[in-house]
Protein backbone atom coordinates (compact mmCIF):
# COMPACT_ATOMS: atom_id res chain seq x y z
CA MET A 1 -53.20 -16.69 52.67
CA LEU A 2 -49.81 -15.65 54.03
CA ASN A 3 -46.95 -17.39 52.25
CA ILE A 4 -43.55 -17.88 53.92
CA THR A 5 -40.86 -19.25 51.64
CA SER A 6 -38.81 -22.28 52.67
CA GLU A 7 -35.71 -20.07 53.05
CA ALA A 8 -37.55 -17.72 55.41
CA GLN A 9 -39.03 -20.62 57.38
CA GLN A 10 -35.60 -22.15 57.86
CA LYS A 11 -34.09 -18.85 59.03
CA ILE A 12 -36.97 -18.13 61.44
CA ALA A 13 -36.69 -21.63 62.93
CA GLU A 14 -32.93 -21.14 63.39
CA LEU A 15 -33.44 -17.80 65.17
CA VAL A 16 -36.07 -19.33 67.45
CA VAL A 17 -33.64 -22.07 68.48
CA LYS A 18 -30.79 -19.61 69.03
CA SER A 19 -32.87 -17.23 71.13
CA GLU A 20 -31.65 -16.91 74.71
CA ASN A 21 -35.21 -16.27 75.94
CA PRO A 22 -38.29 -18.49 75.45
CA VAL A 23 -40.01 -17.66 72.14
CA ARG A 24 -43.68 -18.48 71.57
CA GLY A 25 -43.67 -17.47 67.93
CA LEU A 26 -43.29 -14.70 65.37
CA ARG A 27 -45.69 -11.77 65.19
CA ILE A 28 -46.15 -10.14 61.79
CA GLY A 29 -47.92 -6.80 61.74
CA ALA A 30 -49.00 -4.55 58.88
CA GLU A 31 -50.05 -0.90 58.81
CA ALA A 32 -51.43 0.87 55.75
CA LYS A 33 -49.66 4.21 55.24
CA SER A 34 -51.48 4.99 52.00
CA SER A 35 -53.53 3.25 49.33
CA SER A 36 -50.34 1.74 47.87
CA LYS A 37 -47.89 1.63 50.79
CA VAL A 38 -47.92 -0.82 53.68
CA ASP A 39 -45.38 -0.95 56.51
CA TYR A 40 -44.58 -4.38 57.93
CA LYS A 41 -43.10 -5.39 61.27
CA LEU A 42 -41.72 -8.73 62.41
CA ALA A 43 -40.98 -9.50 66.04
CA PHE A 44 -40.47 -12.61 68.15
CA ILE A 45 -42.91 -12.75 71.06
CA SER A 46 -43.20 -14.64 74.31
CA GLU A 47 -46.23 -16.53 75.62
CA ASP A 48 -47.60 -13.54 77.54
CA GLN A 49 -47.61 -11.41 74.39
CA VAL A 50 -50.07 -13.66 72.58
CA SER A 51 -53.62 -12.31 72.35
CA ASP A 52 -56.81 -14.34 72.17
CA ASP A 53 -57.79 -12.33 69.09
CA ASP A 54 -54.63 -13.23 67.19
CA GLU A 55 -54.87 -15.42 64.12
CA ARG A 56 -52.33 -18.22 64.39
CA ILE A 57 -50.64 -19.99 61.46
CA SER A 58 -48.46 -22.99 62.30
CA PHE A 59 -45.23 -23.81 60.49
CA GLU A 60 -42.60 -26.42 61.23
CA GLY A 61 -40.67 -25.21 64.26
CA PHE A 62 -42.65 -22.03 64.95
CA ASP A 63 -46.04 -20.31 64.91
CA VAL A 64 -46.95 -16.99 63.30
CA PHE A 65 -49.38 -14.64 65.06
CA ILE A 66 -51.30 -11.90 63.25
CA ASN A 67 -53.58 -9.37 64.92
CA ASN A 68 -57.04 -8.66 63.50
CA GLY A 69 -56.04 -5.30 62.03
CA SER A 70 -53.26 -6.87 59.96
CA VAL A 71 -55.03 -9.93 58.60
CA GLY A 72 -56.48 -8.20 55.53
CA LEU A 73 -53.24 -6.41 54.69
CA LEU A 74 -51.26 -9.66 54.88
CA LYS A 75 -53.60 -11.62 52.65
CA ASP A 76 -51.62 -13.07 49.72
CA ALA A 77 -48.41 -11.53 51.14
CA LYS A 78 -45.10 -13.37 50.79
CA VAL A 79 -42.34 -13.44 53.42
CA ASP A 80 -38.89 -14.24 52.07
CA TYR A 81 -35.34 -14.25 53.41
CA VAL A 82 -32.84 -12.56 51.11
CA ASP A 83 -29.10 -13.08 51.46
CA GLY A 84 -27.16 -10.93 49.00
CA LEU A 85 -24.02 -8.89 48.58
CA MET A 86 -25.64 -5.79 50.07
CA GLY A 87 -26.82 -7.62 53.18
CA SER A 88 -29.42 -10.08 54.32
CA GLY A 89 -32.81 -9.93 55.96
CA PHE A 90 -36.50 -10.66 55.72
CA LYS A 91 -38.55 -9.19 52.89
CA ILE A 92 -42.34 -8.98 52.70
CA GLU A 93 -44.15 -8.37 49.44
CA ARG A 94 -47.88 -8.02 48.99
CA SER A 95 -49.66 -9.03 45.83
CA ARG A 96 -51.26 -5.79 44.76
CA ARG A 97 -54.76 -5.96 43.38
CA LEU A 98 -56.64 -3.56 41.15
CA PRO A 99 -58.00 -0.61 43.20
CA ASP A 100 -61.62 -1.26 44.16
CA HIS A 101 -62.98 1.83 42.37
CA LEU A 102 -61.50 0.78 39.02
CA THR A 103 -63.35 -1.67 36.82
CA GLY A 104 -63.46 -2.64 33.17
CA SER A 105 -61.14 -4.03 30.55
CA ILE A 106 -58.85 -0.98 30.25
CA ALA A 107 -58.21 -0.80 34.00
CA GLU A 108 -57.48 -4.52 34.21
CA ARG A 109 -55.10 -4.40 31.25
CA VAL A 110 -53.22 -1.33 32.51
CA HIS A 111 -52.90 -2.89 35.97
CA SER A 112 -51.61 -6.10 34.41
CA VAL A 113 -49.04 -4.21 32.33
CA ILE A 114 -47.79 -2.29 35.37
CA GLU A 115 -47.48 -5.38 37.56
CA GLU A 116 -46.14 -7.83 34.98
CA LYS A 117 -44.04 -5.71 32.62
CA ILE A 118 -43.16 -2.43 34.34
CA ASN A 119 -42.63 -3.10 38.04
CA PRO A 120 -40.22 -6.03 37.56
CA GLY A 121 -37.92 -3.64 35.69
CA VAL A 122 -38.49 -0.63 37.95
CA ALA A 123 -37.80 -2.86 40.95
CA ALA A 124 -34.22 -3.15 39.73
CA HIS A 125 -33.91 0.51 40.74
CA GLY A 126 -35.61 -0.20 44.06
CA GLY A 127 -38.98 1.33 43.23
CA GLU A 128 -42.49 0.67 42.06
CA VAL A 129 -45.26 2.21 39.99
CA SER A 130 -48.88 1.89 41.08
CA LEU A 131 -52.12 2.60 39.25
CA VAL A 132 -54.18 5.28 40.99
CA ASP A 133 -56.99 6.20 38.61
CA ILE A 134 -58.20 6.24 35.01
CA LYS A 135 -60.33 9.10 33.65
CA ASP A 136 -61.16 9.97 30.04
CA ASN A 137 -58.52 7.56 28.73
CA THR A 138 -55.86 9.21 30.90
CA VAL A 139 -54.00 6.91 33.28
CA TYR A 140 -52.83 8.35 36.60
CA VAL A 141 -49.93 6.61 38.27
CA LYS A 142 -47.93 7.08 41.44
CA LEU A 143 -44.19 6.64 41.88
CA GLY A 144 -43.34 4.80 45.09
CA GLY A 145 -40.67 2.83 46.87
CA GLY A 146 -37.12 3.82 46.08
CA CYS A 147 -37.18 4.42 42.35
CA GLN A 148 -34.04 6.39 42.88
CA GLY A 149 -30.43 6.56 42.10
CA CYS A 150 -29.03 6.71 38.62
CA GLY A 151 -29.89 9.35 36.07
CA MET A 152 -31.87 6.67 34.25
CA ALA A 153 -34.77 7.14 36.70
CA GLY A 154 -36.35 9.89 34.59
CA VAL A 155 -35.86 7.96 31.38
CA THR A 156 -37.22 4.79 32.96
CA LEU A 157 -40.35 6.54 34.15
CA ARG A 158 -41.07 8.76 31.18
CA ASP A 159 -39.87 6.79 28.18
CA GLY A 160 -40.21 3.33 29.67
CA VAL A 161 -43.37 3.38 31.77
CA ILE A 162 -45.41 5.77 29.65
CA THR A 163 -44.41 4.20 26.34
CA THR A 164 -45.05 0.67 27.61
CA ILE A 165 -48.55 1.48 28.85
CA LYS A 166 -49.50 3.22 25.61
CA GLU A 167 -48.12 0.42 23.44
CA GLU A 168 -49.79 -2.36 25.42
CA VAL A 169 -53.11 -0.53 25.88
CA PRO A 170 -53.69 1.62 22.75
CA GLU A 171 -56.86 3.14 24.21
CA VAL A 172 -54.73 5.08 26.71
CA GLU A 173 -54.04 8.62 25.47
CA GLU A 174 -52.05 10.07 28.38
CA VAL A 175 -50.16 8.84 31.45
CA ASP A 176 -49.90 11.35 34.29
CA ILE A 177 -49.26 11.68 37.99
CA LYS A 178 -52.36 11.84 40.17
CA ILE A 179 -53.08 15.19 41.87
CA ASN A 180 -55.65 15.69 44.63
CA GLU A 181 -57.94 18.63 43.90
CA SER A 182 -57.83 19.66 47.57
CA ASP A 183 -54.08 20.27 47.21
CA LEU A 184 -54.59 22.93 44.54
CA ARG A 185 -55.22 26.65 44.73
CA ILE A 186 -56.45 28.04 41.41
CA ASP A 187 -56.38 31.77 40.67
CA VAL A 188 -57.57 33.50 37.50
CA PHE A 189 -56.41 36.83 36.15
CA ARG A 190 -56.39 38.84 32.98
CA SER A 191 -53.81 37.79 30.44
CA GLY A 192 -51.05 40.18 29.44
CA GLY A 193 -48.90 40.59 26.36
CA PRO A 194 -49.39 42.24 22.97
CA GLY A 195 -52.73 43.87 22.23
CA GLY A 196 -55.57 42.21 20.42
CA GLN A 197 -59.01 40.86 20.98
CA SER A 198 -59.68 39.17 24.34
CA VAL A 199 -56.37 40.40 25.79
CA ASN A 200 -56.85 42.14 29.16
CA THR A 201 -60.64 41.98 28.77
CA THR A 202 -61.45 38.65 30.44
CA ASP A 203 -59.98 36.62 33.29
CA SER A 204 -58.75 33.86 31.00
CA ALA A 205 -55.26 33.37 32.44
CA VAL A 206 -54.86 30.70 35.12
CA ARG A 207 -52.34 30.27 37.93
CA ILE A 208 -52.31 26.94 39.79
CA THR A 209 -50.43 26.44 43.06
CA HIS A 210 -49.75 22.95 44.37
CA ILE A 211 -49.95 23.71 48.10
CA PRO A 212 -47.94 20.74 49.52
CA SER A 213 -44.92 21.32 47.25
CA GLY A 214 -45.24 25.05 46.54
CA VAL A 215 -44.95 24.48 42.78
CA VAL A 216 -46.68 27.27 40.80
CA VAL A 217 -47.69 27.12 37.15
CA SER A 218 -49.22 29.98 35.15
CA GLN A 219 -50.79 29.65 31.72
CA GLN A 220 -52.26 32.34 29.44
CA ASP A 221 -51.58 31.07 25.92
CA GLU A 222 -55.22 30.30 25.18
CA LYS A 223 -58.21 32.61 25.05
CA SER A 224 -60.25 30.09 27.00
CA GLN A 225 -59.84 29.85 30.75
CA HIS A 226 -60.80 26.18 30.54
CA LYS A 227 -58.03 25.42 28.02
CA ASN A 228 -55.45 27.39 30.03
CA LYS A 229 -56.39 25.43 33.15
CA ALA A 230 -56.03 22.11 31.32
CA LYS A 231 -52.59 23.06 29.99
CA ALA A 232 -51.48 24.34 33.40
CA LEU A 233 -52.54 21.08 35.06
CA LYS A 234 -50.61 19.08 32.49
CA ILE A 235 -47.45 21.14 33.11
CA LEU A 236 -47.96 20.87 36.88
CA ARG A 237 -48.18 17.08 36.72
CA SER A 238 -44.99 16.95 34.71
CA ARG A 239 -43.14 19.16 37.21
CA LEU A 240 -44.40 17.20 40.20
CA LEU A 241 -43.27 13.99 38.54
CA ASP A 242 -39.82 15.50 37.96
CA ASN A 243 -39.72 16.62 41.59
CA GLN A 244 -40.55 13.12 42.80
CA ILE A 245 -37.79 11.64 40.69
CA GLN A 246 -35.25 14.23 41.88
CA GLU A 247 -36.22 13.72 45.52
CA LYS A 248 -35.84 9.98 45.26
CA ASN A 249 -32.53 10.39 43.43
CA LYS A 250 -31.36 12.51 46.36
CA GLU A 251 -32.49 9.91 48.90
CA ARG A 252 -30.71 7.14 47.05
CA SER A 253 -27.56 9.25 46.72
CA GLU A 254 -27.53 9.88 50.47
CA GLN A 255 -28.08 6.19 51.18
CA ARG A 256 -25.16 5.22 48.97
CA LYS A 257 -22.96 7.89 50.53
CA ASN A 258 -23.73 6.53 54.00
CA GLN A 259 -23.02 2.99 52.86
CA VAL A 260 -19.70 3.86 51.26
CA GLY A 261 -18.54 6.21 54.02
CA SER A 262 -15.88 8.86 53.84
CA GLY A 263 -12.85 6.59 53.84
CA ASP A 264 -11.58 8.15 57.06
CA ARG A 265 -9.42 5.99 59.33
CA SER A 266 -12.13 6.15 62.00
CA GLU A 267 -14.38 4.14 59.67
CA ARG A 268 -11.94 1.27 59.14
CA ILE A 269 -13.41 -2.17 59.65
CA ARG A 270 -10.34 -4.39 59.65
CA THR A 271 -6.59 -4.08 60.33
CA TYR A 272 -3.87 -6.48 59.15
CA ASN A 273 -0.63 -6.43 61.14
CA PHE A 274 1.93 -8.51 59.25
CA PRO A 275 4.87 -8.25 61.72
CA GLN A 276 2.65 -9.65 64.50
CA GLY A 277 0.64 -11.99 62.26
CA ARG A 278 -2.49 -10.35 63.61
CA VAL A 279 -5.83 -9.40 62.04
CA SER A 280 -8.45 -7.35 63.89
CA ASP A 281 -12.07 -6.74 62.91
CA HIS A 282 -13.07 -3.50 64.62
CA ARG A 283 -16.81 -3.99 64.09
CA ILE A 284 -17.00 -6.81 66.64
CA ASN A 285 -13.70 -6.23 68.50
CA LEU A 286 -12.30 -9.53 67.22
CA THR A 287 -8.52 -10.15 67.13
CA LEU A 288 -6.92 -13.26 65.65
CA TYR A 289 -3.25 -14.22 65.41
CA ASN A 290 -3.45 -16.43 62.33
CA LEU A 291 -2.99 -13.89 59.55
CA SER A 292 -1.07 -16.29 57.31
CA GLU A 293 -3.90 -18.85 57.40
CA ILE A 294 -6.52 -16.17 56.69
CA LEU A 295 -4.55 -14.97 53.67
CA GLU A 296 -4.54 -18.57 52.42
CA GLY A 297 -8.34 -18.54 52.42
CA LYS A 298 -9.08 -20.14 55.79
CA ILE A 299 -11.47 -17.39 56.89
CA ASP A 300 -14.11 -19.31 58.86
CA GLU A 301 -12.76 -18.00 62.18
CA LEU A 302 -13.20 -14.48 60.82
CA ILE A 303 -16.53 -14.84 59.05
CA ASN A 304 -18.49 -16.99 61.50
CA PRO A 305 -18.30 -14.47 64.39
CA LEU A 306 -19.50 -11.73 62.00
CA ILE A 307 -22.48 -13.84 60.93
CA ALA A 308 -23.32 -14.65 64.55
CA GLU A 309 -23.11 -10.97 65.52
CA GLU A 310 -25.36 -9.93 62.64
CA GLU A 311 -28.01 -12.53 63.47
CA SER A 312 -27.85 -11.64 67.16
CA THR A 313 -28.38 -7.97 66.33
CA LYS A 314 -31.33 -8.73 64.06
CA LEU A 315 -32.90 -10.94 66.71
CA ALA A 316 -32.53 -8.21 69.32
CA ASN A 317 -34.05 -5.63 66.99
CA MET A 318 -37.01 -7.89 66.24
CA LYS A 319 -37.67 -8.34 69.98
CA ASN A 320 -37.57 -4.60 70.60
CA GLU A 321 -40.07 -3.71 67.88
């Protein structure tokens, strides 16, 4: 059942009361983007936007409406309201269950380790690790969310995640990234190099191309085509994992750059004019002539309009979704 924390309930009720237009309730929608990723949407709706097929859940001060297609995805989900230094807003988390095709003690233990011991730490970097498959004592995982940012991402994933799984579940021999066979193009050719038996006589060398990313790995160390293919796949998984980490590092870096800004005068948010005793907040076009009081810590007149503007913007965005 959908769980809405007391903090989130209080904030939703406040927004309903503050709304300039009649609000019938809050619609929460969910759309599965992949086996491990779900996109959520929250929007206040009016009476004419309620459907007979909607599932309704009543809370104190408001009702929540969920369409049929979202009910299953929102089962056991938690809606919370987070107010931190980096901003505030609603957050939805879904309790992830073991994939349906995985059964048995090893799968359950690996899933438990990922959810209880790995993801809480990885979440500090804004990301998540999900279990995709287990074959021949090899665990396949997927890096998701925003496991980005600092150079510790690679260490966290390789040394932290892999080591933790192997230590907690000794039966696990390898931890790798999952690759879809349909994304691979496999070519065989005759190995080159110094002369000797089996060299240039059989098509034992293997070249694997990961079509979506364009990553190519060739392997000809072994005389057996089967062994060369296995080694090439292992190298390919490692490179794809590195690529994922680098891509997410880049995304996080760009996000931080946008948040910090360039420092140009055009990006200023507030001006203090001491001769005139004036302070102006350029984000909401607010000008006050009580600079001395603000410097003494009496900042309610400055902060309250900012809070009101932020909540008004969020309410407008929720209505437009």
